[in-house]
């Protein structure tokens, strides 16, 4: 029970810190600062290029801020009802709480992900998110409990609108290539 409560507390701390610090860093940036959309003379999208320096700075800043917050999150306590220590289900969660001091330490890894999702015949949703893996160790008077927590934080998203095609075929679910060729002919 104690280990489960400690792991839950570790997840709570890591998730809260990850979301708060990512939001703080991202309030300083807009989509246009991360990606440049280049168009031709007819206003058709030719290229979407990433501003690698800005993206690397954001990724680094988020990891550093999360690490600082985890390192400063030293003094926590966790209370366990006396009845929960007996192992009897009928007494679980009952009685006065015994408070244990605990410290949370950890390390952070980040991985930037970018994905494009079709939204309609001329719209694509571009999402950029950061996958953050935190390893949080809870140091208690009895033992050290380690928990890996993975969280995804959406950094930016943008709908890219393209030219509307003159002809559109939705061939999903039509079967084999031979059947598709019969339809087109």
Protein backbone atom coordinates (compact mmCIF):
# COMPACT_ATOMS: atom_id res chain seq x y z
CA UNK A 1 0.00 0.00 0.00
CA UNK A 2 2.79 2.38 0.93
CA UNK A 3 4.63 1.70 -2.34
CA UNK A 4 1.45 2.19 -4.40
CA UNK A 5 0.71 5.49 -2.68
CA UNK A 6 4.29 6.66 -3.25
CA UNK A 7 4.09 5.76 -6.95
CA UNK A 8 0.79 7.62 -7.26
CA UNK A 9 2.38 10.65 -5.61
CA UNK A 10 5.34 10.43 -8.01
CA UNK A 11 2.96 10.37 -11.01
CA UNK A 12 1.04 13.31 -9.59
CA UNK A 13 4.21 15.36 -9.08
CA UNK A 14 5.68 14.53 -12.50
CA UNK A 15 2.46 15.16 -14.41
CA UNK A 16 1.79 18.47 -12.67
CA UNK A 17 5.36 19.72 -13.12
CA UNK A 18 5.51 18.57 -16.77
CA UNK A 19 2.29 20.33 -17.73
CA UNK A 20 3.01 23.53 -15.81
CA UNK A 21 6.57 24.00 -17.04
CA UNK A 22 5.74 23.13 -20.67
CA UNK A 23 2.92 25.67 -20.65
CA UNK A 24 5.18 28.34 -19.11
CA UNK A 25 7.84 27.89 -21.80
CA UNK A 26 5.38 27.65 -24.71
CA UNK A 27 3.56 30.90 -23.84
CA UNK A 28 6.62 32.68 -25.27
CA UNK A 29 6.27 31.17 -28.77
CA UNK A 30 3.89 31.06 -31.74
CA UNK A 31 3.63 28.49 -34.54
CA UNK A 32 5.23 30.93 -37.01
CA UNK A 33 8.37 31.04 -34.87
CA UNK A 34 8.80 27.27 -35.10
CA UNK A 35 7.76 26.62 -38.70
CA UNK A 36 7.86 28.68 -41.86
CA UNK A 37 5.30 27.96 -44.55
CA UNK A 38 6.65 28.83 -47.99
CA UNK A 39 4.19 29.42 -50.83
CA UNK A 40 4.56 29.88 -54.57
CA UNK A 41 3.26 32.83 -56.59
CA UNK A 42 -0.21 31.21 -56.78
CA UNK A 43 -0.35 30.92 -52.97
CA UNK A 44 0.12 27.13 -53.04
CA UNK A 45 2.15 25.63 -50.20
CA UNK A 46 5.52 24.42 -51.43
CA UNK A 47 7.34 23.75 -48.20
CA UNK A 48 7.05 23.76 -44.45
CA UNK A 49 10.45 24.24 -42.89
CA UNK A 50 11.34 23.94 -39.23
CA UNK A 51 13.32 26.53 -37.32
CA UNK A 52 15.62 23.99 -35.68
CA UNK A 53 17.37 26.46 -33.38
CA UNK A 54 14.08 27.66 -31.85
CA UNK A 55 12.71 24.12 -31.55
CA UNK A 56 15.90 22.90 -29.85
CA UNK A 57 15.79 25.87 -27.47
CA UNK A 58 12.18 25.10 -26.54
CA UNK A 59 12.92 21.42 -26.02
CA UNK A 60 15.93 22.23 -23.87
CA UNK A 61 14.16 24.95 -21.87
CA UNK A 62 11.24 22.66 -21.07
CA UNK A 63 13.56 19.85 -19.91
CA UNK A 64 15.61 22.24 -17.77
CA UNK A 65 12.53 23.80 -16.15
CA UNK A 66 11.03 20.39 -15.39
CA UNK A 67 14.34 19.21 -13.91
CA UNK A 68 14.59 22.34 -11.72
CA UNK A 69 11.03 21.84 -10.48
CA UNK A 70 11.64 18.17 -9.68
CA UNK A 71 14.88 19.02 -7.86
CA UNK A 72 13.16 21.72 -5.78
CA UNK A 73 10.26 19.41 -4.91
CA UNK A 74 12.07 17.91 -1.93
CA UNK A 75 9.75 18.07 1.03
CA UNK A 76 6.49 16.21 0.61
CA UNK A 77 4.57 14.04 2.95
CA UNK A 78 2.25 11.16 2.37
CA UNK A 79 -0.38 10.06 4.86
CA UNK A 80 -1.44 6.45 5.22
CA UNK A 81 -4.48 5.56 7.32
CA UNK A 82 -3.57 3.13 10.11
CA UNK A 83 -6.21 0.66 8.92
CA UNK A 84 -4.52 0.38 5.53
CA UNK A 85 -1.35 -0.95 7.14
CA UNK A 86 -3.16 -3.99 8.53
CA UNK A 87 -3.77 -5.59 5.15
CA UNK A 88 -7.46 -6.14 5.99
CA UNK A 89 -9.82 -4.78 3.33
CA UNK A 90 -12.48 -3.91 5.90
CA UNK A 91 -10.05 -1.54 7.68
CA UNK A 92 -8.49 -0.09 4.53
CA UNK A 93 -8.64 3.71 4.48
CA UNK A 94 -9.82 3.90 8.10
CA UNK A 95 -8.28 5.47 11.15
CA UNK A 96 -5.90 8.33 11.73
CA UNK A 97 -3.18 8.92 9.17
CA UNK A 98 0.47 8.25 9.76
CA UNK A 99 2.44 10.91 7.87
CA UNK A 100 5.73 10.00 6.24
CA UNK A 101 8.14 12.56 4.86
CA UNK A 102 9.37 11.88 1.37
CA UNK A 103 11.59 13.57 -1.18
CA UNK A 104 11.14 13.41 -4.94
CA UNK A 105 14.13 13.52 -7.24
CA UNK A 106 14.31 12.65 -10.88
CA UNK A 107 15.64 13.07 -14.35
CA UNK A 108 13.97 14.08 -17.59
CA UNK A 109 14.24 12.98 -21.22
CA UNK A 110 12.40 14.73 -24.04
CA UNK A 111 11.55 13.67 -27.57
CA UNK A 112 9.95 16.07 -30.06
CA UNK A 113 7.24 14.58 -32.28
CA UNK A 114 5.54 16.09 -35.31
CA UNK A 115 2.56 14.65 -37.12
CA UNK A 116 0.26 15.59 -39.97
CA UNK A 117 -3.40 14.51 -39.98
CA UNK A 118 -5.75 14.81 -42.93
CA UNK A 119 -8.79 16.88 -41.95
CA UNK A 120 -10.54 17.37 -45.31
CA UNK A 121 -9.73 17.41 -49.01
CA UNK A 122 -7.73 20.60 -48.66
CA UNK A 123 -6.84 20.82 -44.95
CA UNK A 124 -4.12 19.19 -42.92
CA UNK A 125 -3.66 19.48 -39.17
CA UNK A 126 -0.01 19.84 -38.12
CA UNK A 127 0.61 18.92 -34.48
CA UNK A 128 3.90 19.22 -32.66
CA UNK A 129 4.18 17.72 -29.24
CA UNK A 130 6.86 16.83 -26.77
CA UNK A 131 7.03 13.37 -25.27
CA UNK A 132 8.50 13.76 -21.81
CA UNK A 133 9.80 10.81 -19.86
CA UNK A 134 10.50 11.46 -16.20
CA UNK A 135 12.10 9.00 -13.87
CA UNK A 136 11.06 10.04 -10.39
CA UNK A 137 12.58 8.51 -7.29
CA UNK A 138 10.69 8.78 -4.04
CA UNK A 139 13.03 8.63 -1.08
CA UNK A 140 11.26 7.46 2.05
CA UNK A 141 12.48 6.43 5.49
CA UNK A 142 12.06 2.78 4.44
CA UNK A 143 13.15 2.54 0.82
CA UNK A 144 13.69 4.34 -2.46
CA UNK A 145 10.85 3.82 -4.93
CA UNK A 146 11.41 4.64 -8.58
CA UNK A 147 8.68 5.28 -11.14
CA UNK A 148 8.89 6.08 -14.87
CA UNK A 149 6.26 8.52 -16.06
CA UNK A 150 5.67 9.37 -19.72
CA UNK A 151 3.60 12.39 -20.64
CA UNK A 152 2.82 14.03 -23.96
CA UNK A 153 2.42 17.79 -24.11
CA UNK A 154 0.99 19.48 -27.18
CA UNK A 155 3.27 22.39 -28.07
CA UNK A 156 1.62 23.83 -31.17
CA UNK A 157 -0.90 22.91 -33.80
CA UNK A 158 -1.92 24.58 -37.02
CA UNK A 159 -4.43 23.83 -39.76
CA UNK A 160 -2.75 24.13 -43.14
CA UNK A 161 -5.21 25.00 -45.88
CA UNK A 162 -4.27 24.01 -49.41
CA UNK A 163 -5.78 24.44 -52.81
CA UNK A 164 -9.15 22.76 -53.41
CA UNK A 165 -8.68 20.11 -56.09
CA UNK A 166 -10.82 20.17 -59.23
CA UNK A 167 -11.42 16.42 -58.90
CA UNK A 168 -11.45 14.28 -55.79
CA UNK A 169 -11.71 10.51 -55.46
CA UNK A 170 -12.15 8.92 -52.08
CA UNK A 171 -11.00 5.38 -52.76
CA UNK A 172 -10.64 4.21 -49.17
CA UNK A 173 -12.15 0.78 -48.64
CA UNK A 174 -12.52 0.06 -52.38
CA UNK A 175 -10.39 -3.06 -52.29
CA UNK A 176 -7.73 -4.23 -54.73
CA UNK A 177 -5.85 -2.13 -57.26
CA UNK A 178 -7.68 -3.83 -60.17
CA UNK A 179 -11.07 -2.69 -58.84
CA UNK A 180 -9.76 0.84 -58.40
CA UNK A 181 -8.55 0.98 -62.01
CA UNK A 182 -11.98 -0.15 -63.25
CA UNK A 183 -13.62 2.79 -61.43
CA UNK A 184 -11.20 5.38 -62.80
CA UNK A 185 -11.51 4.17 -66.43
